[in-house]
Amino acid sequence: MGRVADKVALVTGGAKGLGLATAKRLFEEGATVVVTDLDEAEVAAAAAAIDPSGEKVVSYRQDVTDEAGWDSLTTTIVDRFGKLDVVVNNAGVAASRTVEEETLETWRWLMAVNLDAVFLGTKAAIAVMKDNGGGSIVNLSSIEGIIGDPGLAAYNASKGGVRIFSKSAALHCAKSGYGIRVNTVHPGFVWTPMVEAYAEEQDAELDDVTQALMAAHPIGRMGRPEEIANAVLYLASDESSFSTGSEIVVDGGYTAQ
């Protein structure tokens, strides 16, 4: 216990899935956690489920694609808690289409949430962390940011962008002496609402798609949200003080094949 004690963390997309699991793990290990999501009621309920007292987990509505909103949120967090030590850029969306099927409208929507928002969140985090002793920024990419998938053209592009952008930001922060580390986490398929929606979009029976996804991981199953949250916890903690510009792949062997 206490691996992130006394730290203040922000987790975007925290109402469900990986964001919710991450917020819970950070709270369990001693952090004060701010969770945000586009659905104000849903994220408020998520925060209350983690910490019914409302003292250590608080929620805000956030559109992660809104630059002014980022500046307002980080200012609010620092004013309320005195600092911001950890930012987890987790919010994301998916679209299951090939390059021929994809539309420019959906491409731009997906890039705005998956990539533009990571840029905005990283930039906003640096602005408040660099004069406050540093911090840790954890950006959620994916195995789809490392390997290609014919049916995930836009998603591949966005997650690959998160991967290499984070390395650039990490080098900038390191060379500037900010004490800010920037790393990425690359989950395999985890049974979250996003993956469930992906499975339902496929032209096959849901059970068959689920079995195929499980079989695609040499370990023989999909991941659990808490397994991804544990990787984020490590990067958020001081245990990873020598890690920056790195990537943690948590995929049951998917990319080792």
C-alpha atoms as a PDB file:
ATOM      1  CA  MET A   1       0.000   0.000   0.000  1.00  0.00           C
ATOM      2  CA  GLY A   2       1.039   3.613  -0.462  1.00  0.00           C
ATOM      3  CA  ARG A   3       2.950   3.318  -3.723  1.00  0.00           C
ATOM      4  CA  VAL A   4       1.584   6.709  -4.836  1.00  0.00           C
ATOM      5  CA  ALA A   5       0.829   8.136  -1.410  1.00  0.00           C
ATOM      6  CA  ASP A   6       0.450  11.921  -1.306  1.00  0.00           C
ATOM      7  CA  LYS A   7       0.359  12.200  -5.098  1.00  0.00           C
ATOM      8  CA  VAL A   8      -2.423  13.978  -6.974  1.00  0.00           C
ATOM      9  CA  ALA A   9      -3.435  12.183 -10.156  1.00  0.00           C
ATOM     10  CA  LEU A  10      -5.743  12.964 -13.061  1.00  0.00           C
ATOM     11  CA  VAL A  11      -7.292  10.150 -15.095  1.00  0.00           C
ATOM     12  CA  THR A  12      -9.268  11.010 -18.224  1.00  0.00           C
ATOM     13  CA  GLY A  13     -12.000   8.721 -19.501  1.00  0.00           C
ATOM     14  CA  GLY A  14     -12.388   7.537 -15.935  1.00  0.00           C
ATOM     15  CA  ALA A  15     -16.073   6.642 -15.918  1.00  0.00           C
ATOM     16  CA  LYS A  16     -15.562   3.066 -17.085  1.00  0.00           C
ATOM     17  CA  GLY A  17     -13.155   0.513 -18.492  1.00  0.00           C
ATOM     18  CA  LEU A  18      -9.426   1.023 -18.146  1.00  0.00           C
ATOM     19  CA  GLY A  19      -9.824   4.553 -16.802  1.00  0.00           C
ATOM     20  CA  LEU A  20     -12.051   3.424 -13.966  1.00  0.00           C
ATOM     21  CA  ALA A  21      -9.732   0.539 -13.077  1.00  0.00           C
ATOM     22  CA  THR A  22      -6.745   2.890 -13.117  1.00  0.00           C
ATOM     23  CA  ALA A  23      -8.439   5.472 -10.920  1.00  0.00           C
ATOM     24  CA  LYS A  24      -9.311   2.737  -8.441  1.00  0.00           C
ATOM     25  CA  ARG A  25      -5.749   1.367  -8.277  1.00  0.00           C
ATOM     26  CA  LEU A  26      -4.225   4.813  -7.801  1.00  0.00           C
ATOM     27  CA  PHE A  27      -6.707   5.510  -5.010  1.00  0.00           C
ATOM     28  CA  GLU A  28      -5.966   2.145  -3.383  1.00  0.00           C
ATOM     29  CA  GLU A  29      -2.282   3.014  -3.364  1.00  0.00           C
ATOM     30  CA  GLY A  30      -2.769   6.370  -1.663  1.00  0.00           C
ATOM     31  CA  ALA A  31      -3.283   8.966  -4.389  1.00  0.00           C
ATOM     32  CA  THR A  32      -5.859  11.697  -4.506  1.00  0.00           C
ATOM     33  CA  VAL A  33      -7.532  11.071  -7.854  1.00  0.00           C
ATOM     34  CA  VAL A  34      -9.406  13.389 -10.199  1.00  0.00           C
ATOM     35  CA  VAL A  35     -11.463  11.438 -12.733  1.00  0.00           C
ATOM     36  CA  THR A  36     -12.974  13.083 -15.788  1.00  0.00           C
ATOM     37  CA  ASP A  37     -15.295  12.039 -18.583  1.00  0.00           C
ATOM     38  CA  LEU A  38     -17.691  13.559 -21.077  1.00  0.00           C
ATOM     39  CA  ASP A  39     -20.702  12.121 -19.231  1.00  0.00           C
ATOM     40  CA  GLU A  40     -20.868  14.139 -16.010  1.00  0.00           C
ATOM     41  CA  ALA A  41     -23.364  11.896 -14.222  1.00  0.00           C
ATOM     42  CA  GLU A  42     -21.548   8.708 -15.146  1.00  0.00           C
ATOM     43  CA  VAL A  43     -18.143   9.927 -13.991  1.00  0.00           C
ATOM     44  CA  ALA A  44     -19.614  11.305 -10.760  1.00  0.00           C
ATOM     45  CA  ALA A  45     -21.113   7.878 -10.043  1.00  0.00           C
ATOM     46  CA  ALA A  46     -17.786   6.219 -10.804  1.00  0.00           C
ATOM     47  CA  ALA A  47     -15.940   8.517  -8.410  1.00  0.00           C
ATOM     48  CA  ALA A  48     -18.490   7.892  -5.673  1.00  0.00           C
ATOM     49  CA  ALA A  49     -18.192   4.131  -6.157  1.00  0.00           C
ATOM     50  CA  ILE A  50     -14.431   4.307  -5.615  1.00  0.00           C
ATOM     51  CA  ASP A  51     -14.527   6.711  -2.682  1.00  0.00           C
ATOM     52  CA  PRO A  52     -17.958   7.216  -1.124  1.00  0.00           C
ATOM     53  CA  SER A  53     -16.528   9.890   1.188  1.00  0.00           C
ATOM     54  CA  GLY A  54     -15.711  12.109  -1.780  1.00  0.00           C
ATOM     55  CA  GLU A  55     -12.525  13.232  -0.072  1.00  0.00           C
ATOM     56  CA  LYS A  56      -9.869  11.461  -2.157  1.00  0.00           C
ATOM     57  CA  VAL A  57     -11.642  10.876  -5.474  1.00  0.00           C
ATOM     58  CA  VAL A  58     -13.432  13.727  -7.218  1.00  0.00           C
ATOM     59  CA  SER A  59     -14.912  14.060 -10.679  1.00  0.00           C
ATOM     60  CA  TYR A  60     -15.300  16.710 -13.350  1.00  0.00           C
ATOM     61  CA  ARG A  61     -16.937  16.745 -16.743  1.00  0.00           C
ATOM     62  CA  GLN A  62     -14.310  17.142 -19.436  1.00  0.00           C
ATOM     63  CA  ASP A  63     -14.199  17.256 -23.207  1.00  0.00           C
ATOM     64  CA  VAL A  64     -10.594  16.171 -23.742  1.00  0.00           C
ATOM     65  CA  THR A  65     -10.513  17.786 -27.197  1.00  0.00           C
ATOM     66  CA  ASP A  66     -11.114  21.270 -25.721  1.00  0.00           C
ATOM     67  CA  GLU A  67      -7.798  23.096 -25.195  1.00  0.00           C
ATOM     68  CA  ALA A  68      -9.269  25.845 -23.008  1.00  0.00           C
ATOM     69  CA  GLY A  69     -10.968  23.173 -20.939  1.00  0.00           C
ATOM     70  CA  TRP A  70      -7.616  21.542 -20.252  1.00  0.00           C
ATOM     71  CA  ASP A  71      -6.127  24.790 -18.980  1.00  0.00           C
ATOM     72  CA  SER A  72      -9.162  25.393 -16.789  1.00  0.00           C
ATOM     73  CA  LEU A  73      -9.098  21.868 -15.370  1.00  0.00           C
ATOM     74  CA  THR A  74      -5.407  21.803 -14.480  1.00  0.00           C
ATOM     75  CA  THR A  75      -5.718  25.229 -12.854  1.00  0.00           C
ATOM     76  CA  THR A  76      -8.694  23.996 -10.844  1.00  0.00           C
ATOM     77  CA  ILE A  77      -6.800  20.898  -9.695  1.00  0.00           C
ATOM     78  CA  VAL A  78      -3.757  22.865  -8.582  1.00  0.00           C
ATOM     79  CA  ASP A  79      -5.915  25.453  -6.825  1.00  0.00           C
ATOM     80  CA  ARG A  80      -7.853  22.711  -5.007  1.00  0.00           C
ATOM     81  CA  PHE A  81      -5.076  20.251  -4.156  1.00  0.00           C
ATOM     82  CA  GLY A  82      -1.903  22.332  -4.428  1.00  0.00           C
ATOM     83  CA  LYS A  83      -0.246  20.331  -7.199  1.00  0.00           C
ATOM     84  CA  LEU A  84      -0.651  17.765  -9.978  1.00  0.00           C
ATOM     85  CA  ASP A  85       1.813  14.857  -9.950  1.00  0.00           C
ATOM     86  CA  VAL A  86       0.346  12.339 -12.390  1.00  0.00           C
ATOM     87  CA  VAL A  87      -1.676  12.679 -15.580  1.00  0.00           C
ATOM     88  CA  VAL A  88      -3.070   9.560 -17.250  1.00  0.00           C
ATOM     89  CA  ASN A  89      -4.320  10.347 -20.746  1.00  0.00           C
ATOM     90  CA  ASN A  90      -6.659   7.395 -21.061  1.00  0.00           C
ATOM     91  CA  ALA A  91      -9.786   8.698 -22.840  1.00  0.00           C
ATOM     92  CA  GLY A  92     -10.231   7.085 -26.224  1.00  0.00           C
ATOM     93  CA  VAL A  93     -12.624   5.893 -28.912  1.00  0.00           C
ATOM     94  CA  ALA A  94     -12.491   3.272 -31.650  1.00  0.00           C
ATOM     95  CA  ALA A  95     -13.776   2.681 -35.170  1.00  0.00           C
ATOM     96  CA  SER A  96     -13.552  -0.642 -36.963  1.00  0.00           C
ATOM     97  CA  ARG A  97     -12.999   0.165 -40.628  1.00  0.00           C
ATOM     98  CA  THR A  98     -10.443  -0.465 -43.359  1.00  0.00           C
ATOM     99  CA  VAL A  99      -8.714   2.395 -45.158  1.00  0.00           C
ATOM    100  CA  GLU A 100     -11.243   2.054 -48.004  1.00  0.00           C
ATOM    101  CA  GLU A 101     -14.227   2.074 -45.670  1.00  0.00           C
ATOM    102  CA  GLU A 102     -13.079   4.894 -43.389  1.00  0.00           C
ATOM    103  CA  THR A 103     -14.544   8.378 -43.820  1.00  0.00           C
ATOM    104  CA  LEU A 104     -12.737  11.641 -43.267  1.00  0.00           C
ATOM    105  CA  GLU A 105     -15.362  12.670 -40.727  1.00  0.00           C
ATOM    106  CA  THR A 106     -14.824   9.597 -38.555  1.00  0.00           C
ATOM    107  CA  TRP A 107     -11.054   9.786 -39.049  1.00  0.00           C
ATOM    108  CA  ARG A 108     -10.971  13.348 -37.733  1.00  0.00           C
ATOM    109  CA  TRP A 109     -13.273  12.536 -34.796  1.00  0.00           C
ATOM    110  CA  LEU A 110     -11.127   9.591 -33.764  1.00  0.00           C
ATOM    111  CA  MET A 111      -7.877  11.554 -34.123  1.00  0.00           C
ATOM    112  CA  ALA A 112      -9.312  14.404 -32.062  1.00  0.00           C
ATOM    113  CA  VAL A 113     -10.084  12.128 -29.117  1.00  0.00           C
ATOM    114  CA  ASN A 114      -7.236   9.613 -29.351  1.00  0.00           C
ATOM    115  CA  LEU A 115      -4.344  11.799 -30.469  1.00  0.00           C
ATOM    116  CA  ASP A 116      -5.132  15.520 -30.263  1.00  0.00           C
ATOM    117  CA  ALA A 117      -6.361  15.084 -26.695  1.00  0.00           C
ATOM    118  CA  VAL A 118      -3.165  13.280 -25.684  1.00  0.00           C
ATOM    119  CA  PHE A 119      -1.173  16.194 -27.087  1.00  0.00           C
ATOM    120  CA  LEU A 120      -3.352  18.694 -25.221  1.00  0.00           C
ATOM    121  CA  GLY A 121      -3.228  16.709 -21.988  1.00  0.00           C
ATOM    122  CA  THR A 122       0.527  16.262 -22.160  1.00  0.00           C
ATOM    123  CA  LYS A 123       1.093  19.936 -22.905  1.00  0.00           C
ATOM    124  CA  ALA A 124      -1.221  21.040 -20.085  1.00  0.00           C
ATOM    125  CA  ALA A 125       0.444  18.643 -17.654  1.00  0.00           C
ATOM    126  CA  ILE A 126       3.918  19.909 -18.493  1.00  0.00           C
ATOM    127  CA  ALA A 127       2.803  23.497 -17.931  1.00  0.00           C
ATOM    128  CA  VAL A 128       1.810  22.818 -14.307  1.00  0.00           C
ATOM    129  CA  MET A 129       4.396  20.140 -13.465  1.00  0.00           C
ATOM    130  CA  LYS A 130       7.597  21.758 -14.654  1.00  0.00           C
ATOM    131  CA  ASP A 131       7.686  24.396 -11.916  1.00  0.00           C
ATOM    132  CA  ASN A 132       6.462  22.018  -9.234  1.00  0.00           C
ATOM    133  CA  GLY A 133       9.220  19.428  -9.064  1.00  0.00           C
ATOM    134  CA  GLY A 134       8.167  17.300 -12.025  1.00  0.00           C
ATOM    135  CA  GLY A 135       5.731  14.456 -12.421  1.00  0.00           C
ATOM    136  CA  SER A 136       4.671  11.481 -14.478  1.00  0.00           C
ATOM    137  CA  ILE A 137       2.571  11.504 -17.646  1.00  0.00           C
ATOM    138  CA  VAL A 138       1.195   8.152 -18.771  1.00  0.00           C
ATOM    139  CA  ASN A 139      -0.369   8.015 -22.221  1.00  0.00           C
ATOM    140  CA  LEU A 140      -2.517   5.035 -23.180  1.00  0.00           C
ATOM    141  CA  SER A 141      -1.594   3.680 -26.578  1.00  0.00           C
ATOM    142  CA  SER A 142      -2.318   0.102 -27.646  1.00  0.00           C
ATOM    143  CA  ILE A 143      -0.829  -2.930 -29.297  1.00  0.00           C
ATOM    144  CA  GLU A 144      -2.502  -1.299 -32.312  1.00  0.00           C
ATOM    145  CA  GLY A 145       0.093   1.463 -31.978  1.00  0.00           C
ATOM    146  CA  ILE A 146       2.813  -1.131 -32.603  1.00  0.00           C
ATOM    147  CA  ILE A 147       1.326  -3.513 -35.172  1.00  0.00           C
ATOM    148  CA  GLY A 148      -1.133  -3.014 -37.998  1.00  0.00           C
ATOM    149  CA  ASP A 149      -4.659  -4.348 -38.344  1.00  0.00           C
ATOM    150  CA  PRO A 150      -6.429  -4.160 -41.709  1.00  0.00           C
ATOM    151  CA  GLY A 151      -9.762  -3.265 -40.094  1.00  0.00           C
ATOM    152  CA  LEU A 152      -8.510  -0.532 -37.767  1.00  0.00           C
ATOM    153  CA  ALA A 153      -6.998   2.048 -40.092  1.00  0.00           C
ATOM    154  CA  ALA A 154      -7.769   5.198 -38.096  1.00  0.00           C
ATOM    155  CA  TYR A 155      -7.284   3.542 -34.725  1.00  0.00           C
ATOM    156  CA  ASN A 156      -3.871   2.235 -35.791  1.00  0.00           C
ATOM    157  CA  ALA A 157      -2.845   5.704 -36.911  1.00  0.00           C
ATOM    158  CA  SER A 158      -4.009   7.372 -33.714  1.00  0.00           C
ATOM    159  CA  LYS A 159      -2.356   4.911 -31.349  1.00  0.00           C
ATOM    160  CA  GLY A 160       0.861   4.869 -33.355  1.00  0.00           C
ATOM    161  CA  GLY A 161       0.823   8.648 -33.081  1.00  0.00           C
ATOM    162  CA  VAL A 162       0.441   8.460 -29.304  1.00  0.00           C
ATOM    163  CA  ARG A 163       3.436   6.132 -29.112  1.00  0.00           C
ATOM    164  CA  ILE A 164       5.919   8.275 -31.035  1.00  0.00           C
ATOM    165  CA  PHE A 165       4.566  11.618 -29.808  1.00  0.00           C
ATOM    166  CA  SER A 166       5.136  10.485 -26.236  1.00  0.00           C
ATOM    167  CA  LYS A 167       8.768   9.695 -26.978  1.00  0.00           C
ATOM    168  CA  SER A 168       9.249  13.191 -28.381  1.00  0.00           C
ATOM    169  CA  ALA A 169       7.647  14.773 -25.320  1.00  0.00           C
ATOM    170  CA  ALA A 170       9.726  12.580 -23.008  1.00  0.00           C
ATOM    171  CA  LEU A 171      12.961  13.670 -24.661  1.00  0.00           C
ATOM    172  CA  HIS A 172      11.940  17.326 -24.533  1.00  0.00           C
ATOM    173  CA  CYS A 173      11.152  17.134 -20.818  1.00  0.00           C
ATOM    174  CA  ALA A 174      14.336  15.217 -20.029  1.00  0.00           C
ATOM    175  CA  LYS A 175      16.589  17.597 -21.956  1.00  0.00           C
ATOM    176  CA  SER A 176      14.829  20.584 -20.375  1.00  0.00           C
ATOM    177  CA  GLY A 177      15.502  19.269 -16.887  1.00  0.00           C
ATOM    178  CA  TYR A 178      11.841  19.391 -15.883  1.00  0.00           C
ATOM    179  CA  GLY A 179      11.805  16.165 -13.896  1.00  0.00           C
ATOM    180  CA  ILE A 180       8.793  15.051 -15.913  1.00  0.00           C
ATOM    181  CA  ARG A 181       8.632  11.520 -17.264  1.00  0.00           C
ATOM    182  CA  VAL A 182       6.427  10.564 -20.225  1.00  0.00           C
ATOM    183  CA  ASN A 183       5.698   6.909 -20.974  1.00  0.00           C
ATOM    184  CA  THR A 184       3.120   4.805 -22.797  1.00  0.00           C
ATOM    185  CA  VAL A 185       1.140   1.687 -21.963  1.00  0.00           C
ATOM    186  CA  HIS A 186       0.108  -0.675 -24.760  1.00  0.00           C
ATOM    187  CA  PRO A 187      -2.731  -3.014 -23.777  1.00  0.00           C
ATOM    188  CA  GLY A 188      -3.786  -6.031 -25.738  1.00  0.00           C
ATOM    189  CA  PHE A 189      -7.507  -6.744 -26.006  1.00  0.00           C
ATOM    190  CA  VAL A 190      -9.191  -6.209 -22.644  1.00  0.00           C
ATOM    191  CA  TRP A 191     -12.910  -6.888 -22.173  1.00  0.00           C
ATOM    192  CA  THR A 192     -14.079  -3.299 -21.707  1.00  0.00           C
ATOM    193  CA  PRO A 193     -17.117  -1.508 -23.182  1.00  0.00           C
ATOM    194  CA  MET A 194     -14.900  -0.380 -26.083  1.00  0.00           C
ATOM    195  CA  VAL A 195     -13.750  -3.889 -26.948  1.00  0.00           C
ATOM    196  CA  GLU A 196     -17.258  -5.239 -26.489  1.00  0.00           C
ATOM    197  CA  ALA A 197     -18.521  -2.655 -28.996  1.00  0.00           C
ATOM    198  CA  TYR A 198     -15.711  -3.619 -31.382  1.00  0.00           C
ATOM    199  CA  ALA A 199     -16.662  -7.286 -31.124  1.00  0.00           C
ATOM    200  CA  GLU A 200     -20.325  -6.518 -31.788  1.00  0.00           C
ATOM    201  CA  GLU A 201     -19.397  -4.616 -34.978  1.00  0.00           C
ATOM    202  CA  GLN A 202     -17.747  -7.655 -36.551  1.00  0.00           C
ATOM    203  CA  ASP A 203     -19.527  -9.678 -39.200  1.00  0.00           C
ATOM    204  CA  ALA A 204     -19.728 -12.804 -37.066  1.00  0.00           C
ATOM    205  CA  GLU A 205     -21.441 -14.188 -33.986  1.00  0.00           C
ATOM    206  CA  LEU A 206     -20.358 -12.347 -30.831  1.00  0.00           C
ATOM    207  CA  ASP A 207     -19.272 -15.573 -29.137  1.00  0.00           C
ATOM    208  CA  ASP A 208     -17.138 -16.523 -32.139  1.00  0.00           C
ATOM    209  CA  VAL A 209     -15.472 -13.092 -32.170  1.00  0.00           C
ATOM    210  CA  THR A 210     -14.828 -13.306 -28.436  1.00  0.00           C
ATOM    211  CA  GLN A 211     -13.265 -16.745 -28.751  1.00  0.00           C
ATOM    212  CA  ALA A 212     -11.079 -15.543 -31.625  1.00  0.00           C
ATOM    213  CA  LEU A 213      -9.866 -12.564 -29.602  1.00  0.00           C
ATOM    214  CA  MET A 214      -9.007 -14.823 -26.706  1.00  0.00           C
ATOM    215  CA  ALA A 215      -7.160 -17.250 -28.972  1.00  0.00           C
ATOM    216  CA  ALA A 216      -5.154 -14.410 -30.527  1.00  0.00           C
ATOM    217  CA  HIS A 217      -3.336 -13.971 -27.210  1.00  0.00           C
ATOM    218  CA  PRO A 218      -0.821 -16.772 -26.578  1.00  0.00           C
ATOM    219  CA  ILE A 219      -1.669 -16.644 -22.877  1.00  0.00           C
ATOM    220  CA  GLY A 220      -5.137 -17.900 -23.881  1.00  0.00           C
ATOM    221  CA  ARG A 221      -7.402 -15.090 -22.720  1.00  0.00           C
ATOM    222  CA  MET A 222      -8.037 -11.369 -22.956  1.00  0.00           C
ATOM    223  CA  GLY A 223      -6.652  -9.020 -20.363  1.00  0.00           C
ATOM    224  CA  ARG A 224      -8.363  -7.698 -17.256  1.00  0.00           C
ATOM    225  CA  PRO A 225      -8.663  -3.943 -16.630  1.00  0.00           C
ATOM    226  CA  GLU A 226      -6.741  -4.173 -13.356  1.00  0.00           C
ATOM    227  CA  GLU A 227      -3.774  -5.718 -15.185  1.00  0.00           C
ATOM    228  CA  ILE A 228      -3.468  -2.587 -17.308  1.00  0.00           C
ATOM    229  CA  ALA A 229      -4.062  -0.400 -14.264  1.00  0.00           C
ATOM    230  CA  ASN A 230      -1.124  -2.059 -12.518  1.00  0.00           C
ATOM    231  CA  ALA A 231       1.186  -1.044 -15.365  1.00  0.00           C
ATOM    232  CA  VAL A 232      -0.066   2.540 -15.153  1.00  0.00           C
ATOM    233  CA  LEU A 233       0.437   2.464 -11.382  1.00  0.00           C
ATOM    234  CA  TYR A 234       4.075   1.480 -11.822  1.00  0.00           C
ATOM    235  CA  LEU A 235       4.716   4.347 -14.237  1.00  0.00           C
ATOM    236  CA  ALA A 236       2.872   6.788 -11.967  1.00  0.00           C
ATOM    237  CA  SER A 237       4.944   5.770  -8.961  1.00  0.00           C
ATOM    238  CA  ASP A 238       8.524   6.668  -8.085  1.00  0.00           C
ATOM    239  CA  GLU A 239       9.428   3.023  -8.696  1.00  0.00           C
ATOM    240  CA  SER A 240       9.736   3.932 -12.381  1.00  0.00           C
ATOM    241  CA  SER A 241      11.966   6.961 -11.802  1.00  0.00           C
ATOM    242  CA  PHE A 242      14.466   5.826 -14.495  1.00  0.00           C
ATOM    243  CA  SER A 243      11.781   5.192 -17.115  1.00  0.00           C
ATOM    244  CA  THR A 244      10.921   7.860 -19.664  1.00  0.00           C
ATOM    245  CA  GLY A 245      10.151   7.617 -23.347  1.00  0.00           C
ATOM    246  CA  SER A 246       9.488   3.934 -22.747  1.00  0.00           C
ATOM    247  CA  GLU A 247       6.547   1.685 -23.449  1.00  0.00           C
ATOM    248  CA  ILE A 248       5.036  -1.097 -21.390  1.00  0.00           C
ATOM    249  CA  VAL A 249       3.282  -3.741 -23.445  1.00  0.00           C
ATOM    250  CA  VAL A 250       0.628  -5.691 -21.523  1.00  0.00           C
ATOM    251  CA  ASP A 251      -0.811  -8.024 -24.125  1.00  0.00           C
ATOM    252  CA  GLY A 252      -0.620 -11.678 -23.127  1.00  0.00           C
ATOM    253  CA  GLY A 253       2.057 -12.267 -25.771  1.00  0.00           C
ATOM    254  CA  TYR A 254       0.011 -10.847 -28.685  1.00  0.00           C
ATOM    255  CA  THR A 255       2.874  -8.817 -30.198  1.00  0.00           C
ATOM    256  CA  ALA A 256       5.525 -11.464 -29.455  1.00  0.00           C
ATOM    257  CA  GLN A 257       4.237 -13.731 -32.222  1.00  0.00           C
END
